Amino acid sequence: MLDNYFPILVFVIMGLTMGIVLLGLGLGLGKIMGHARSDKAKESPFECGFEAFEDARMKFDVRYYLVAILFIIFDLEIAFLFPWAVALEHVGMAGFWAMMIFLGVLVVGFIYEWRKGALEWE
């Protein structure tokens, strides 16, 4: 019975070994080949265009939330569009129209963000 689990054990050991080796290699090469020069701009934190360490209760501009919604819209679109395109021959016209409805909902979300001005930065 243990013979059935041996390939899984080999897979886990190889995965952990490869992860540790690549992580160590990346850290080692980063220290050797990386630039040691830094300035104030490189060391300063960057968070959403706001200064760090301000009041935690300050209000965020609604555009940041709208950009997050826009990212989710396009991320979902690609995540569902690729498998649909691969299996288009098998889903038929019902699958085609279901995807058109889905894309229509995403377009409505995109138009909402466009009207709110999330795509225009000052």
N, C-alpha and C. Protein backbone atom coordinates (compact mmCIF):
# COMPACT_ATOMS: atom_id res chain seq x y z
N MET A 1 0.81 -1.19 0.00
CA MET A 1 0.00 0.00 0.00
C MET A 1 0.86 1.26 0.00
N LEU A 2 2.00 1.23 0.66
CA LEU A 2 2.88 2.39 0.67
C LEU A 2 3.46 2.68 -0.70
N ASP A 3 3.49 1.68 -1.57
CA ASP A 3 4.00 1.89 -2.93
C ASP A 3 3.13 2.88 -3.69
N ASN A 4 1.85 2.97 -3.36
CA ASN A 4 0.95 3.91 -4.03
C ASN A 4 1.27 5.35 -3.66
N TYR A 5 1.80 5.57 -2.46
CA TYR A 5 2.09 6.93 -2.00
C TYR A 5 3.51 7.38 -2.29
N PHE A 6 4.35 6.49 -2.77
CA PHE A 6 5.75 6.84 -3.04
C PHE A 6 5.87 7.96 -4.09
N PRO A 7 5.13 7.93 -5.21
CA PRO A 7 5.25 9.04 -6.17
C PRO A 7 4.83 10.38 -5.56
N ILE A 8 3.86 10.36 -4.66
CA ILE A 8 3.46 11.62 -4.01
C ILE A 8 4.57 12.12 -3.11
N LEU A 9 5.21 11.23 -2.38
CA LEU A 9 6.33 11.61 -1.53
C LEU A 9 7.48 12.19 -2.36
N VAL A 10 7.79 11.55 -3.48
CA VAL A 10 8.85 12.05 -4.36
C VAL A 10 8.47 13.44 -4.89
N PHE A 11 7.21 13.62 -5.27
CA PHE A 11 6.74 14.90 -5.78
C PHE A 11 6.87 16.00 -4.72
N VAL A 12 6.47 15.71 -3.50
CA VAL A 12 6.56 16.71 -2.42
C VAL A 12 8.02 17.04 -2.12
N ILE A 13 8.87 16.03 -2.05
CA ILE A 13 10.28 16.27 -1.76
C ILE A 13 10.93 17.08 -2.87
N MET A 14 10.65 16.75 -4.11
CA MET A 14 11.22 17.50 -5.24
C MET A 14 10.70 18.93 -5.26
N GLY A 15 9.43 19.12 -4.96
CA GLY A 15 8.87 20.47 -4.93
C GLY A 15 9.50 21.33 -3.85
N LEU A 16 9.63 20.77 -2.66
CA LEU A 16 10.26 21.52 -1.58
C LEU A 16 11.72 21.81 -1.88
N THR A 17 12.43 20.82 -2.41
CA THR A 17 13.84 21.01 -2.76
C THR A 17 14.00 22.09 -3.83
N MET A 18 13.17 22.02 -4.86
CA MET A 18 13.26 23.00 -5.94
C MET A 18 12.93 24.41 -5.42
N GLY A 19 11.92 24.51 -4.56
CA GLY A 19 11.57 25.81 -3.99
C GLY A 19 12.67 26.40 -3.16
N ILE A 20 13.28 25.59 -2.31
CA ILE A 20 14.36 26.07 -1.45
C ILE A 20 15.58 26.45 -2.28
N VAL A 21 15.93 25.64 -3.26
CA VAL A 21 17.09 25.93 -4.11
C VAL A 21 16.87 27.22 -4.90
N LEU A 22 15.71 27.37 -5.51
CA LEU A 22 15.46 28.57 -6.31
C LEU A 22 15.37 29.82 -5.45
N LEU A 23 14.79 29.70 -4.26
CA LEU A 23 14.74 30.84 -3.36
C LEU A 23 16.14 31.24 -2.91
N GLY A 24 16.94 30.27 -2.54
CA GLY A 24 18.32 30.57 -2.15
C GLY A 24 19.13 31.14 -3.29
N LEU A 25 18.93 30.60 -4.49
CA LEU A 25 19.64 31.11 -5.65
C LEU A 25 19.25 32.56 -5.95
N GLY A 26 17.97 32.85 -5.84
CA GLY A 26 17.50 34.21 -6.10
C GLY A 26 18.02 35.19 -5.07
N LEU A 27 18.01 34.80 -3.82
CA LEU A 27 18.52 35.69 -2.78
C LEU A 27 20.03 35.87 -2.91
N GLY A 28 20.73 34.79 -3.22
CA GLY A 28 22.18 34.88 -3.36
C GLY A 28 22.59 35.74 -4.55
N LEU A 29 21.93 35.53 -5.70
CA LEU A 29 22.27 36.33 -6.87
C LEU A 29 21.84 37.78 -6.69
N GLY A 30 20.77 38.00 -5.94
CA GLY A 30 20.35 39.38 -5.68
C GLY A 30 21.37 40.15 -4.88
N LYS A 31 22.01 39.47 -3.94
CA LYS A 31 23.05 40.13 -3.15
C LYS A 31 24.32 40.37 -3.96
N ILE A 32 24.64 39.41 -4.83
CA ILE A 32 25.86 39.51 -5.62
C ILE A 32 25.70 40.52 -6.76
N MET A 33 24.61 40.40 -7.50
CA MET A 33 24.44 41.21 -8.71
C MET A 33 23.60 42.47 -8.50
N GLY A 34 22.97 42.60 -7.35
CA GLY A 34 22.10 43.74 -7.10
C GLY A 34 22.87 45.02 -6.88
N HIS A 35 22.19 46.10 -7.11
CA HIS A 35 22.80 47.40 -6.89
C HIS A 35 22.72 47.76 -5.41
N ALA A 36 23.83 48.14 -4.84
CA ALA A 36 23.87 48.46 -3.42
C ALA A 36 23.49 49.92 -3.17
N ARG A 37 23.43 50.73 -4.23
CA ARG A 37 23.10 52.13 -4.06
C ARG A 37 21.61 52.30 -3.80
N SER A 38 21.29 53.06 -2.81
CA SER A 38 19.89 53.38 -2.56
C SER A 38 19.79 54.86 -2.21
N ASP A 39 18.63 55.38 -2.43
CA ASP A 39 18.40 56.78 -2.08
C ASP A 39 17.10 56.88 -1.30
N LYS A 40 16.74 58.10 -0.97
CA LYS A 40 15.55 58.31 -0.13
C LYS A 40 14.27 57.84 -0.82
N ALA A 41 14.19 58.01 -2.13
CA ALA A 41 12.98 57.61 -2.84
C ALA A 41 12.82 56.09 -2.87
N LYS A 42 13.91 55.35 -2.99
CA LYS A 42 13.82 53.89 -3.00
C LYS A 42 13.45 53.32 -1.64
N GLU A 43 13.87 53.97 -0.59
CA GLU A 43 13.61 53.47 0.75
C GLU A 43 12.28 53.92 1.32
N SER A 44 11.62 54.87 0.66
CA SER A 44 10.35 55.37 1.19
C SER A 44 9.22 54.41 0.84
N PRO A 45 8.25 54.25 1.74
CA PRO A 45 7.12 53.36 1.44
C PRO A 45 6.16 54.01 0.46
N PHE A 46 5.47 53.17 -0.29
CA PHE A 46 4.50 53.67 -1.26
C PHE A 46 3.19 52.96 -1.02
N GLU A 47 2.15 53.71 -0.71
CA GLU A 47 0.84 53.12 -0.45
C GLU A 47 -0.23 53.99 -1.10
N CYS A 48 -0.72 53.57 -2.22
CA CYS A 48 -1.89 54.17 -2.85
C CYS A 48 -1.78 55.66 -3.08
N GLY A 49 -0.59 56.19 -3.18
CA GLY A 49 -0.44 57.61 -3.44
C GLY A 49 -0.58 58.49 -2.21
N PHE A 50 -0.76 57.91 -1.04
CA PHE A 50 -0.88 58.68 0.19
C PHE A 50 0.42 58.57 0.98
N GLU A 51 0.64 59.56 1.82
CA GLU A 51 1.79 59.49 2.71
C GLU A 51 1.58 58.38 3.72
N ALA A 52 2.63 57.67 4.03
CA ALA A 52 2.54 56.59 5.01
C ALA A 52 2.46 57.16 6.42
N PHE A 53 1.89 56.39 7.32
CA PHE A 53 1.82 56.71 8.74
C PHE A 53 0.98 57.94 9.04
N GLU A 54 -0.05 58.17 8.26
CA GLU A 54 -1.00 59.23 8.59
C GLU A 54 -2.11 58.63 9.43
N ASP A 55 -3.14 59.40 9.66
CA ASP A 55 -4.27 58.95 10.45
C ASP A 55 -4.93 57.75 9.77
N ALA A 56 -5.19 56.72 10.53
CA ALA A 56 -5.78 55.50 9.97
C ALA A 56 -7.24 55.70 9.57
N ARG A 57 -7.87 56.76 10.04
CA ARG A 57 -9.27 56.99 9.73
C ARG A 57 -9.48 57.99 8.59
N MET A 58 -8.43 58.30 7.86
CA MET A 58 -8.58 59.25 6.76
C MET A 58 -9.39 58.63 5.63
N LYS A 59 -10.07 59.44 4.89
CA LYS A 59 -10.93 58.96 3.81
C LYS A 59 -10.10 58.73 2.55
N PHE A 60 -10.42 57.62 1.86
CA PHE A 60 -9.79 57.32 0.60
C PHE A 60 -10.64 57.89 -0.52
N ASP A 61 -10.00 58.27 -1.58
CA ASP A 61 -10.72 58.72 -2.76
C ASP A 61 -11.45 57.52 -3.38
N VAL A 62 -12.64 57.74 -3.86
CA VAL A 62 -13.45 56.66 -4.40
C VAL A 62 -12.80 56.04 -5.65
N ARG A 63 -11.91 56.76 -6.30
CA ARG A 63 -11.27 56.22 -7.50
C ARG A 63 -10.44 54.98 -7.22
N TYR A 64 -9.88 54.87 -6.04
CA TYR A 64 -9.11 53.67 -5.72
C TYR A 64 -10.00 52.45 -5.67
N TYR A 65 -11.20 52.61 -5.12
CA TYR A 65 -12.14 51.50 -5.09
C TYR A 65 -12.63 51.17 -6.49
N LEU A 66 -12.85 52.18 -7.30
CA LEU A 66 -13.32 51.95 -8.66
C LEU A 66 -12.26 51.24 -9.50
N VAL A 67 -11.01 51.58 -9.29
CA VAL A 67 -9.93 50.89 -10.01
C VAL A 67 -9.86 49.44 -9.57
N ALA A 68 -10.09 49.19 -8.29
CA ALA A 68 -10.10 47.80 -7.80
C ALA A 68 -11.25 47.03 -8.44
N ILE A 69 -12.41 47.66 -8.55
CA ILE A 69 -13.54 47.01 -9.21
C ILE A 69 -13.22 46.76 -10.68
N LEU A 70 -12.58 47.71 -11.33
CA LEU A 70 -12.20 47.54 -12.73
C LEU A 70 -11.24 46.38 -12.90
N PHE A 71 -10.28 46.24 -11.99
CA PHE A 71 -9.35 45.11 -12.05
C PHE A 71 -10.11 43.80 -11.92
N ILE A 72 -11.03 43.73 -10.99
CA ILE A 72 -11.80 42.50 -10.79
C ILE A 72 -12.62 42.18 -12.02
N ILE A 73 -13.20 43.20 -12.64
CA ILE A 73 -14.01 42.98 -13.85
C ILE A 73 -13.15 42.34 -14.94
N PHE A 74 -12.00 42.91 -15.23
CA PHE A 74 -11.18 42.38 -16.31
C PHE A 74 -10.51 41.07 -15.92
N ASP A 75 -10.20 40.89 -14.65
CA ASP A 75 -9.63 39.64 -14.21
C ASP A 75 -10.64 38.50 -14.37
N LEU A 76 -11.87 38.73 -13.97
CA LEU A 76 -12.91 37.72 -14.16
C LEU A 76 -13.18 37.46 -15.63
N GLU A 77 -13.14 38.51 -16.40
CA GLU A 77 -13.41 38.35 -17.83
C GLU A 77 -12.39 37.41 -18.46
N ILE A 78 -11.13 37.61 -18.18
CA ILE A 78 -10.10 36.76 -18.76
C ILE A 78 -10.16 35.35 -18.18
N ALA A 79 -10.43 35.26 -16.87
CA ALA A 79 -10.46 33.94 -16.23
C ALA A 79 -11.57 33.06 -16.80
N PHE A 80 -12.69 33.65 -17.19
CA PHE A 80 -13.79 32.87 -17.73
C PHE A 80 -13.79 32.82 -19.26
N LEU A 81 -13.17 33.78 -19.90
CA LEU A 81 -13.20 33.84 -21.36
C LEU A 81 -12.27 32.81 -22.01
N PHE A 82 -11.12 32.57 -21.41
CA PHE A 82 -10.18 31.64 -22.02
C PHE A 82 -10.70 30.20 -22.06
N PRO A 83 -11.19 29.64 -20.94
CA PRO A 83 -11.72 28.28 -21.03
C PRO A 83 -12.94 28.19 -21.94
N TRP A 84 -13.74 29.22 -21.98
CA TRP A 84 -14.90 29.24 -22.87
C TRP A 84 -14.45 29.19 -24.32
N ALA A 85 -13.42 29.94 -24.67
CA ALA A 85 -12.93 29.97 -26.04
C ALA A 85 -12.34 28.62 -26.44
N VAL A 86 -11.70 27.94 -25.50
CA VAL A 86 -11.12 26.64 -25.79
C VAL A 86 -12.22 25.61 -26.05
N ALA A 87 -13.31 25.69 -25.30
CA ALA A 87 -14.38 24.70 -25.42
C ALA A 87 -15.57 25.22 -26.22
N LEU A 88 -15.36 26.19 -27.08
CA LEU A 88 -16.47 26.81 -27.81
C LEU A 88 -17.20 25.82 -28.71
N GLU A 89 -16.50 24.88 -29.29
CA GLU A 89 -17.14 23.89 -30.16
C GLU A 89 -18.10 22.99 -29.38
N HIS A 90 -17.81 22.76 -28.12
CA HIS A 90 -18.60 21.82 -27.32
C HIS A 90 -19.79 22.48 -26.62
N VAL A 91 -19.74 23.79 -26.38
CA VAL A 91 -20.82 24.43 -25.62
C VAL A 91 -21.98 24.84 -26.50
N GLY A 92 -21.76 24.99 -27.78
CA GLY A 92 -22.84 25.31 -28.70
C GLY A 92 -23.34 26.74 -28.57
N MET A 93 -24.53 26.96 -29.13
CA MET A 93 -25.11 28.31 -29.13
C MET A 93 -25.55 28.74 -27.73
N ALA A 94 -25.99 27.81 -26.90
CA ALA A 94 -26.40 28.16 -25.54
C ALA A 94 -25.21 28.71 -24.76
N GLY A 95 -24.04 28.08 -24.90
CA GLY A 95 -22.83 28.57 -24.24
C GLY A 95 -22.38 29.90 -24.80
N PHE A 96 -22.57 30.07 -26.11
CA PHE A 96 -22.21 31.34 -26.74
C PHE A 96 -23.04 32.49 -26.17
N TRP A 97 -24.36 32.30 -26.09
CA TRP A 97 -25.22 33.37 -25.60
C TRP A 97 -25.07 33.59 -24.10
N ALA A 98 -24.76 32.53 -23.36
CA ALA A 98 -24.48 32.71 -21.93
C ALA A 98 -23.25 33.58 -21.73
N MET A 99 -22.23 33.37 -22.56
CA MET A 99 -21.03 34.20 -22.46
C MET A 99 -21.30 35.63 -22.91
N MET A 100 -22.16 35.81 -23.89
CA MET A 100 -22.50 37.17 -24.32
C MET A 100 -23.23 37.93 -23.20
N ILE A 101 -24.09 37.24 -22.47
CA ILE A 101 -24.76 37.87 -21.33
C ILE A 101 -23.73 38.23 -20.26
N PHE A 102 -22.81 37.32 -19.99
CA PHE A 102 -21.75 37.57 -19.01
C PHE A 102 -20.91 38.78 -19.42
N LEU A 103 -20.52 38.83 -20.68
CA LEU A 103 -19.73 39.97 -21.15
C LEU A 103 -20.54 41.26 -21.11
N GLY A 104 -21.84 41.16 -21.34
CA GLY A 104 -22.70 42.34 -21.25
C GLY A 104 -22.72 42.90 -19.84
N VAL A 105 -22.79 42.02 -18.84
CA VAL A 105 -22.75 42.47 -17.45
C VAL A 105 -21.41 43.15 -17.15
N LEU A 106 -20.33 42.60 -17.67
CA LEU A 106 -19.02 43.21 -17.45
C LEU A 106 -18.91 44.56 -18.14
N VAL A 107 -19.50 44.68 -19.31
CA VAL A 107 -19.48 45.96 -20.02
C VAL A 107 -20.26 47.01 -19.24
N VAL A 108 -21.37 46.61 -18.63
CA VAL A 108 -22.14 47.55 -17.80
C VAL A 108 -21.27 48.04 -16.64
N GLY A 109 -20.51 47.15 -16.01
CA GLY A 109 -19.60 47.56 -14.94
C GLY A 109 -18.51 48.50 -15.44
N PHE A 110 -18.00 48.22 -16.61
CA PHE A 110 -16.98 49.09 -17.20
C PHE A 110 -17.54 50.47 -17.51
N ILE A 111 -18.75 50.53 -18.05
CA ILE A 111 -19.38 51.82 -18.35
C ILE A 111 -19.65 52.60 -17.07
N TYR A 112 -20.04 51.90 -16.02
CA TYR A 112 -20.25 52.55 -14.72
C TYR A 112 -18.97 53.23 -14.24
N GLU A 113 -17.86 52.54 -14.33
CA GLU A 113 -16.60 53.13 -13.90
C GLU A 113 -16.18 54.27 -14.80
N TRP A 114 -16.44 54.14 -16.08
CA TRP A 114 -16.10 55.20 -17.01
C TRP A 114 -16.89 56.46 -16.69
N ARG A 115 -18.19 56.31 -16.40
CA ARG A 115 -19.04 57.45 -16.06
C ARG A 115 -18.64 58.09 -14.74
N LYS A 116 -18.16 57.29 -13.80
CA LYS A 116 -17.73 57.82 -12.50
C LYS A 116 -16.39 58.53 -12.59
N GLY A 117 -15.70 58.40 -13.71
CA GLY A 117 -14.42 59.07 -13.90
C GLY A 117 -13.24 58.33 -13.32
N ALA A 118 -13.37 57.03 -13.12
CA ALA A 118 -12.27 56.26 -12.54
C ALA A 118 -11.10 56.11 -13.51
N LEU A 119 -11.33 56.31 -14.78
CA LEU A 119 -10.27 56.13 -15.78
C LEU A 119 -9.53 57.45 -16.05
N GLU A 120 -9.95 58.52 -15.43
CA GLU A 120 -9.31 59.84 -15.62
C GLU A 120 -8.55 60.22 -14.36
N TRP A 121 -7.24 60.37 -14.48
CA TRP A 121 -6.41 60.76 -13.35
C TRP A 121 -5.99 62.20 -13.52
N GLU A 122 -5.88 62.89 -12.42
CA GLU A 122 -5.53 64.32 -12.45
C GLU A 122 -4.08 64.52 -12.16
